[in-house]
Amino acid sequence: MKNSLVLLVLLVSVAFVSCKPATDNNVWDNVPIQKLPFSMTDSDRNSVLQWMLTQETFNKHFNISPETNEMDKMFHRDNGWKHLSLDFDFKSNEQGHFIKRLPDVNHNKVLLFAVYDDKIDDDVCMGIKVFIQLQTFDSDGKFIDKLIVYAYMGSECRFSRNFTYDEKNVIRLKDRKRCVDVSADDPNETVYDAIATYAYRISDDGKIVELPQEHTEEVLVDKPAEEFSEPKMDIDSNAMFSSKDLVVTQWMLPEEFPLSVLEYDGKITDNGDLLTRLPDYNGDTVVISKKTKGDGAVYTLYVVKSGVLQNGLDITPHFVVSEDKRTYSFKDFVINKDYRISIYTEEKEAGERPQSGGDYYRIDNFGEFYKANW
């Protein structure tokens, strides 16, 4: 009887343990819920960035425990970082780090993750790249939606996004983009400063819905650079022909050209291709063709061997300036008397230094052009 009583007690105990909800191992029970309203602004930046210095400091600031570190596994990453305005649309492969749990919305979980990505191309954005993303999940932990709510990127054009989240599940974002022109006399002078605001709401199904009626944009400073004059390429006494000579060149149709037949890829050149002849090179004829294209023209340098045009070199010059005079693109060429050919390019984006470069070409024994050091 005594043994039966012990067995009964054990069975009841096992039954009780089996029926008890597994709250002790439920990670949600260990994650505190942030009271609303909640916000993150520029003043929080140093604290947010601490985690990229030491995980310990980051954990301490956000009260991250080993249990809540399990929340990192919830982070949904699909390489798409949406919702960054003012011409920013980055992609990141980095894992998110859980930092906050916001109140549930109709049983859907609302989490904040921080992401730091120092692999983003510095040609796109120099300096710090940090994001905080809000993500929603259903009661089973299945991902629903996401939104970048905080961002900071430092470069000549600095971008920041701050946010507030209120009791009505409304997210309000404030974006600011400020640019300086480091090539100006005062490299710290602001040449562009704009603010944009957005609002989103988390609906009962966990989707993040934009409230377009609350979208605003304001440009505080928009100072165009000085009127650009066309960049000039240095031309020395060795120059035989350059971009400026195209304007005064006398062009001829192929049938007027003092060669019996001109072929390219097995076809007689179109009558639309005007030609001008340069001095011979190593006994071969050299010509420039002009083909009208839209409102402009395409210029190609050719060597003629046995009446056949060899592969050409595009020497089309251009100078394109944006309407706001903040950017330009420039290309020029010079052909020297010894047939060293230099093609010079220069580009400038708003708030950046001009980027210039040059390619140099020579002509081989087959009448083909090849790149040379000079």
Protein backbone atom coordinates (compact mmCIF):
# COMPACT_ATOMS: atom_id res chain seq x y z
CA MET A 1 0.00 0.00 0.00
CA LYS A 2 2.82 2.30 0.89
CA ASN A 3 4.55 1.61 -2.44
CA SER A 4 1.32 2.25 -4.30
CA LEU A 5 0.94 5.60 -2.54
CA VAL A 6 4.48 6.62 -3.51
CA LEU A 7 3.81 5.61 -7.13
CA LEU A 8 0.59 7.63 -7.13
CA VAL A 9 2.39 10.69 -5.80
CA LEU A 10 5.08 10.34 -8.51
CA LEU A 11 2.48 10.00 -11.25
CA VAL A 12 0.64 13.12 -10.06
CA SER A 13 3.92 15.01 -9.90
CA VAL A 14 4.85 14.02 -13.44
CA ALA A 15 1.40 14.94 -14.68
CA PHE A 16 1.62 18.32 -12.97
CA VAL A 17 5.04 19.05 -14.50
CA SER A 18 3.87 17.92 -17.94
CA CYS A 19 0.81 20.18 -17.88
CA LYS A 20 2.62 23.24 -16.51
CA PRO A 21 3.31 25.87 -19.20
CA ALA A 22 7.00 26.02 -20.07
CA THR A 23 7.32 29.64 -19.04
CA ASP A 24 10.70 29.09 -17.42
CA ASN A 25 12.24 28.41 -20.82
CA ASN A 26 10.16 30.91 -22.72
CA VAL A 27 12.53 33.66 -23.82
CA TRP A 28 9.67 36.17 -24.00
CA ASP A 29 9.24 35.97 -20.22
CA ASN A 30 12.77 37.31 -19.79
CA VAL A 31 12.41 40.29 -22.13
CA PRO A 32 11.21 43.50 -20.47
CA ILE A 33 8.73 45.64 -22.41
CA GLN A 34 9.67 49.26 -23.01
CA LYS A 35 7.14 51.80 -21.76
CA LEU A 36 5.74 54.26 -24.29
CA PRO A 37 6.30 56.81 -25.65
CA PHE A 38 9.83 55.85 -26.66
CA SER A 39 12.28 57.78 -28.85
CA MET A 40 15.84 57.72 -30.13
CA THR A 41 17.48 60.95 -31.30
CA ASP A 42 20.93 62.26 -32.16
CA SER A 43 21.68 62.58 -28.46
CA ASP A 44 21.46 58.76 -28.18
CA ARG A 45 24.03 58.21 -30.89
CA ASN A 46 27.08 57.66 -28.69
CA SER A 47 25.23 55.15 -26.54
CA VAL A 48 23.93 53.30 -29.57
CA LEU A 49 27.38 53.09 -31.09
CA GLN A 50 29.00 51.71 -27.97
CA TRP A 51 28.16 48.18 -29.01
CA MET A 52 30.53 48.37 -31.96
CA LEU A 53 33.33 49.07 -29.46
CA THR A 54 32.54 46.36 -26.92
CA GLN A 55 29.57 44.04 -26.71
CA GLU A 56 29.81 44.28 -22.92
CA THR A 57 29.17 48.04 -22.93
CA PHE A 58 26.35 47.61 -25.40
CA ASN A 59 24.74 44.89 -23.29
CA LYS A 60 25.02 46.99 -20.17
CA HIS A 61 23.43 50.06 -21.74
CA PHE A 62 20.44 48.15 -23.09
CA ASN A 63 20.17 45.68 -20.19
CA ILE A 64 20.98 42.80 -22.52
CA SER A 65 21.21 39.45 -20.73
CA PRO A 66 22.22 36.02 -22.08
CA GLU A 67 18.52 35.20 -22.28
CA THR A 68 17.66 38.23 -24.37
CA ASN A 69 20.67 37.61 -26.60
CA GLU A 70 18.59 34.71 -27.87
CA MET A 71 16.44 37.38 -29.50
CA ASP A 72 19.20 37.99 -32.06
CA LYS A 73 18.00 34.80 -33.75
CA MET A 74 14.65 36.48 -34.45
CA PHE A 75 16.26 39.11 -36.69
CA HIS A 76 14.95 38.87 -40.24
CA ARG A 77 17.58 39.62 -42.88
CA ASP A 78 16.86 39.56 -46.60
CA ASN A 79 19.58 41.96 -47.77
CA GLY A 80 17.04 44.72 -48.28
CA TRP A 81 17.20 47.92 -46.22
CA LYS A 82 14.05 49.80 -47.11
CA HIS A 83 12.62 53.15 -46.17
CA LEU A 84 15.76 55.31 -46.20
CA SER A 85 14.88 58.59 -47.86
CA LEU A 86 16.98 61.43 -49.29
CA ASP A 87 18.71 59.27 -51.92
CA PHE A 88 19.98 56.62 -49.50
CA ASP A 89 19.18 52.98 -50.23
CA PHE A 90 21.83 50.70 -48.76
CA LYS A 91 21.98 46.95 -48.50
CA SER A 92 23.58 45.08 -45.64
CA ASN A 93 24.40 41.45 -44.91
CA GLU A 94 25.14 42.03 -41.23
CA GLN A 95 23.27 40.33 -38.41
CA GLY A 96 21.02 42.43 -36.18
CA HIS A 97 21.46 42.67 -32.40
CA PHE A 98 18.31 42.82 -30.29
CA ILE A 99 18.06 45.94 -28.10
CA LYS A 100 14.40 46.62 -27.18
CA ARG A 101 11.00 45.01 -27.05
CA LEU A 102 8.10 47.41 -27.52
CA PRO A 103 4.52 46.63 -26.43
CA ASP A 104 2.66 43.98 -28.44
CA VAL A 105 0.18 45.10 -31.09
CA ASN A 106 -2.79 42.72 -31.13
CA HIS A 107 -0.55 39.86 -29.89
CA ASN A 108 2.10 40.68 -32.54
CA LYS A 109 5.60 41.21 -31.16
CA VAL A 110 7.47 44.47 -31.88
CA LEU A 111 11.28 44.35 -31.58
CA LEU A 112 14.16 46.73 -32.22
CA PHE A 113 17.49 45.49 -33.62
CA ALA A 114 20.75 47.42 -34.07
CA VAL A 115 23.02 46.78 -37.05
CA TYR A 116 26.47 48.19 -37.63
CA ASP A 117 28.03 47.62 -41.05
CA ASP A 118 31.56 48.84 -41.69
CA LYS A 119 31.65 46.96 -45.00
CA ILE A 120 29.42 49.41 -46.84
CA ASP A 121 31.47 50.81 -49.71
CA ASP A 122 33.27 54.00 -48.63
CA ASP A 123 32.75 55.33 -52.15
CA VAL A 124 29.07 55.38 -51.24
CA CYS A 125 29.28 56.47 -47.65
CA MET A 126 32.37 57.18 -45.59
CA GLY A 127 32.48 56.95 -41.82
CA ILE A 128 29.94 55.40 -39.47
CA LYS A 129 27.08 53.31 -40.77
CA VAL A 130 24.63 52.28 -38.08
CA PHE A 131 20.99 51.30 -38.39
CA ILE A 132 18.23 50.43 -35.96
CA GLN A 133 15.38 48.47 -37.45
CA LEU A 134 11.92 47.81 -36.05
CA GLN A 135 10.57 44.37 -36.93
CA THR A 136 7.19 42.79 -36.23
CA PHE A 137 6.43 39.08 -35.64
CA ASP A 138 3.22 37.16 -35.09
CA SER A 139 2.47 35.19 -31.91
CA ASP A 140 4.28 32.17 -33.36
CA GLY A 141 7.45 34.20 -34.00
CA LYS A 142 6.93 34.42 -37.78
CA PHE A 143 8.31 37.59 -39.38
CA ILE A 144 5.72 40.12 -40.64
CA ASP A 145 7.31 43.48 -41.54
CA LYS A 146 10.23 45.82 -40.86
CA LEU A 147 11.21 49.48 -40.97
CA ILE A 148 14.48 51.38 -40.41
CA VAL A 149 13.70 53.80 -37.60
CA TYR A 150 17.18 55.08 -36.77
CA ALA A 151 20.20 55.61 -38.99
CA TYR A 152 23.41 57.55 -39.05
CA MET A 153 25.96 57.77 -41.84
CA GLY A 154 28.90 60.15 -41.76
CA SER A 155 30.53 61.56 -44.87
CA GLU A 156 30.62 64.82 -46.78
CA CYS A 157 26.85 64.36 -46.87
CA ARG A 158 25.79 63.30 -43.38
CA PHE A 159 22.50 61.50 -42.99
CA SER A 160 20.61 60.87 -39.77
CA ARG A 161 17.20 59.44 -38.94
CA ASN A 162 15.54 59.76 -35.51
CA PHE A 163 12.22 58.34 -34.38
CA THR A 164 9.50 58.39 -31.76
CA TYR A 165 6.99 55.64 -31.05
CA ASP A 166 3.77 56.49 -29.19
CA GLU A 167 0.95 54.69 -27.40
CA LYS A 168 -1.13 54.57 -30.59
CA ASN A 169 1.54 52.46 -32.35
CA VAL A 170 2.51 55.39 -34.55
CA ILE A 171 6.15 55.73 -35.60
CA ARG A 172 7.30 59.23 -36.54
CA LEU A 173 10.59 59.58 -38.40
CA LYS A 174 12.73 62.66 -38.92
CA ASP A 175 15.44 62.51 -41.60
CA ARG A 176 18.16 65.10 -42.06
CA LYS A 177 20.76 65.31 -44.81
CA ARG A 178 23.51 67.91 -44.55
CA CYS A 179 26.29 68.34 -47.12
CA VAL A 180 29.51 70.32 -47.08
CA ASP A 181 31.74 71.09 -50.05
CA VAL A 182 35.21 69.99 -48.98
CA SER A 183 36.68 71.49 -52.16
CA ALA A 184 35.40 74.98 -51.26
CA ASP A 185 37.45 77.67 -49.51
CA ASP A 186 35.61 76.79 -46.30
CA PRO A 187 35.29 72.97 -46.31
CA ASN A 188 32.90 73.12 -43.34
CA GLU A 189 30.41 75.43 -45.03
CA THR A 190 26.98 73.85 -45.42
CA VAL A 191 25.90 73.79 -49.05
CA TYR A 192 22.84 71.58 -48.61
CA ASP A 193 20.60 70.93 -45.61
CA ALA A 194 17.19 69.27 -45.81
CA ILE A 195 14.71 67.75 -43.37
CA ALA A 196 11.98 65.22 -44.16
CA THR A 197 9.41 63.72 -41.80
CA TYR A 198 7.40 60.51 -42.18
CA ALA A 199 4.81 58.66 -40.14
CA TYR A 200 3.93 54.95 -40.02
CA ARG A 201 1.49 52.92 -37.96
CA ILE A 202 1.59 49.28 -36.96
CA SER A 203 -1.77 47.81 -37.89
CA ASP A 204 -3.55 44.98 -36.05
CA ASP A 205 -2.11 42.43 -38.51
CA GLY A 206 1.45 43.57 -37.72
CA LYS A 207 1.98 45.34 -41.04
CA ILE A 208 3.75 48.71 -41.02
CA VAL A 209 1.55 51.16 -42.92
CA GLU A 210 2.69 54.61 -44.06
CA LEU A 211 0.58 57.66 -43.20
CA PRO A 212 1.32 59.83 -46.25
CA GLN A 213 -0.71 62.76 -44.98
CA GLU A 214 1.97 63.38 -42.34
CA HIS A 215 4.87 63.45 -44.79
CA THR A 216 6.71 66.80 -45.01
CA GLU A 217 9.91 68.03 -46.63
CA GLU A 218 11.85 71.23 -46.05
CA VAL A 219 15.09 72.41 -47.65
CA LEU A 220 16.92 74.66 -45.21
CA VAL A 221 20.01 75.38 -47.32
CA ASP A 222 20.61 74.76 -51.00
CA LYS A 223 23.65 76.70 -52.09
CA PRO A 224 24.75 75.82 -55.61
CA ALA A 225 28.44 75.85 -56.33
CA GLU A 226 29.77 78.69 -58.45
CA GLU A 227 28.99 78.54 -62.15
CA PHE A 228 31.25 75.91 -63.61
CA SER A 229 33.55 76.86 -66.44
CA GLU A 230 34.59 74.02 -68.69
CA PRO A 231 37.70 72.28 -67.31
CA LYS A 232 40.73 72.80 -69.52
CA MET A 233 43.19 70.17 -70.59
CA ASP A 234 46.79 71.30 -70.87
CA ILE A 235 47.89 71.31 -74.51
CA ASP A 236 51.56 71.70 -75.27
CA SER A 237 53.47 72.39 -78.48
CA ASN A 238 53.58 68.67 -79.31
CA ALA A 239 49.80 68.61 -79.89
CA MET A 240 48.68 67.93 -83.46
CA PHE A 241 44.89 67.76 -82.99
CA SER A 242 42.56 68.19 -80.00
CA SER A 243 38.89 68.53 -79.10
CA LYS A 244 38.82 72.22 -79.92
CA ASP A 245 39.88 71.49 -83.50
CA LEU A 246 36.67 69.54 -84.14
CA VAL A 247 34.76 72.81 -84.33
CA VAL A 248 36.80 74.19 -87.25
CA THR A 249 37.37 70.89 -89.06
CA GLN A 250 36.28 70.55 -92.71
CA TRP A 251 34.31 67.30 -92.98
CA MET A 252 33.86 65.21 -96.14
CA LEU A 253 31.55 62.41 -97.17
CA PRO A 254 33.22 59.02 -97.78
CA GLU A 255 32.77 59.30 -101.56
CA GLU A 256 34.57 62.64 -101.46
CA PHE A 257 37.45 61.14 -99.53
CA PRO A 258 40.74 60.59 -101.44
CA LEU A 259 40.62 56.82 -100.88
CA SER A 260 38.91 54.43 -103.25
CA VAL A 261 37.05 52.31 -100.68
CA LEU A 262 36.57 52.56 -96.93
CA GLU A 263 35.23 49.48 -95.22
CA TYR A 264 34.48 48.62 -91.61
CA ASP A 265 33.37 45.13 -90.54
CA GLY A 266 33.02 44.25 -94.22
CA LYS A 267 30.64 47.10 -95.00
CA ILE A 268 31.11 50.34 -96.88
CA THR A 269 30.86 53.23 -94.40
CA ASP A 270 27.48 54.92 -94.24
CA ASN A 271 27.16 58.22 -96.03
CA GLY A 272 26.09 59.67 -92.71
CA ASP A 273 29.65 59.24 -91.41
CA LEU A 274 31.59 62.38 -92.19
CA LEU A 275 35.37 62.07 -92.30
CA THR A 276 38.45 64.19 -91.86
CA ARG A 277 42.01 63.05 -92.52
CA LEU A 278 44.97 63.46 -90.18
CA PRO A 279 48.66 63.05 -91.08
CA ASP A 280 49.66 59.46 -91.86
CA TYR A 281 51.15 57.21 -89.21
CA ASN A 282 53.85 54.72 -90.29
CA GLY A 283 52.58 54.97 -93.86
CA ASP A 284 48.94 54.30 -92.89
CA THR A 285 46.08 56.75 -93.29
CA VAL A 286 44.45 58.07 -90.09
CA VAL A 287 40.94 59.52 -90.08
CA ILE A 288 38.34 60.80 -87.64
CA SER A 289 34.71 59.93 -88.36
CA LYS A 290 31.76 62.03 -87.25
CA LYS A 291 28.40 60.34 -86.83
CA THR A 292 25.39 62.45 -85.89
CA LYS A 293 23.53 61.09 -82.87
CA GLY A 294 20.51 63.00 -81.58
CA ASP A 295 21.51 66.57 -80.87
CA GLY A 296 25.19 65.66 -80.70
CA ALA A 297 27.84 63.69 -82.53
CA VAL A 298 30.11 60.71 -81.90
CA TYR A 299 33.74 61.03 -82.96
CA THR A 300 35.92 57.96 -83.60
CA LEU A 301 39.61 57.80 -84.48
CA TYR A 302 40.53 55.13 -87.07
CA VAL A 303 43.61 53.82 -88.80
CA VAL A 304 43.04 52.79 -92.44
CA LYS A 305 45.01 49.82 -93.75
CA SER A 306 44.44 48.74 -97.36
CA GLY A 307 41.27 50.80 -97.49
CA VAL A 308 39.79 49.07 -94.44
CA LEU A 309 39.03 50.85 -91.16
CA GLN A 310 40.59 49.05 -88.20
CA ASN A 311 39.03 49.02 -84.72
CA GLY A 312 38.40 52.60 -83.69
CA LEU A 313 38.97 54.65 -80.54
CA ASP A 314 36.08 56.72 -79.21
CA ILE A 315 37.36 60.27 -78.67
CA THR A 316 33.96 61.98 -78.31
CA PRO A 317 34.40 64.99 -76.02
CA HIS A 318 31.63 66.18 -73.73
CA PHE A 319 30.89 68.64 -70.96
CA VAL A 320 27.60 68.06 -69.14
CA VAL A 321 26.50 70.25 -66.22
CA SER A 322 23.46 69.62 -64.02
CA GLU A 323 20.71 72.21 -63.88
CA ASP A 324 21.65 73.19 -60.34
CA LYS A 325 25.31 73.58 -61.36
CA ARG A 326 26.36 71.23 -58.56
CA THR A 327 27.66 68.37 -60.70
CA TYR A 328 29.41 68.02 -64.02
CA SER A 329 31.09 65.45 -66.26
CA PHE A 330 33.89 66.34 -68.67
CA LYS A 331 35.91 64.50 -71.34
CA ASP A 332 38.58 65.86 -73.65
CA PHE A 333 41.33 64.51 -75.91
CA VAL A 334 44.66 65.47 -77.46
CA ILE A 335 46.51 63.73 -80.29
CA ASN A 336 50.22 64.48 -80.27
CA LYS A 337 52.47 64.70 -83.33
CA ASP A 338 54.01 61.31 -82.55
CA TYR A 339 50.49 59.85 -82.22
CA ARG A 340 50.49 59.58 -78.47
CA ILE A 341 46.80 60.01 -77.66
CA SER A 342 45.59 61.21 -74.26
CA ILE A 343 41.96 61.18 -73.12
CA TYR A 344 41.25 63.26 -70.03
CA THR A 345 38.11 62.87 -67.88
CA GLU A 346 36.82 64.75 -64.87
CA GLU A 347 33.64 64.36 -62.79
CA LYS A 348 32.26 66.28 -59.85
CA GLU A 349 29.35 65.39 -57.60
CA ALA A 350 27.63 67.84 -55.26
CA GLY A 351 29.60 68.25 -52.07
CA GLU A 352 32.59 66.31 -53.37
CA ARG A 353 35.98 67.09 -54.82
CA PRO A 354 36.40 66.77 -58.61
CA GLN A 355 37.64 63.31 -59.60
CA SER A 356 39.96 63.41 -62.60
CA GLY A 357 41.83 60.78 -64.56
CA GLY A 358 43.48 60.06 -67.87
CA ASP A 359 44.04 57.20 -70.30
CA TYR A 360 46.82 57.12 -72.84
CA TYR A 361 46.87 55.22 -76.13
CA ARG A 362 49.35 54.32 -78.87
CA ILE A 363 48.96 52.62 -82.27
CA ASP A 364 50.49 49.18 -82.88
CA ASN A 365 51.81 47.75 -86.16
CA PHE A 366 48.36 46.38 -87.00
CA GLY A 367 46.70 49.80 -86.81
CA GLU A 368 45.02 48.96 -83.50
CA PHE A 369 44.92 51.20 -80.43
CA TYR A 370 46.30 49.99 -77.11
CA LYS A 371 46.59 51.56 -73.68
CA ALA A 372 50.05 52.82 -72.77
CA ASN A 373 51.67 54.36 -69.72
CA TRP A 374 52.57 57.34 -71.90
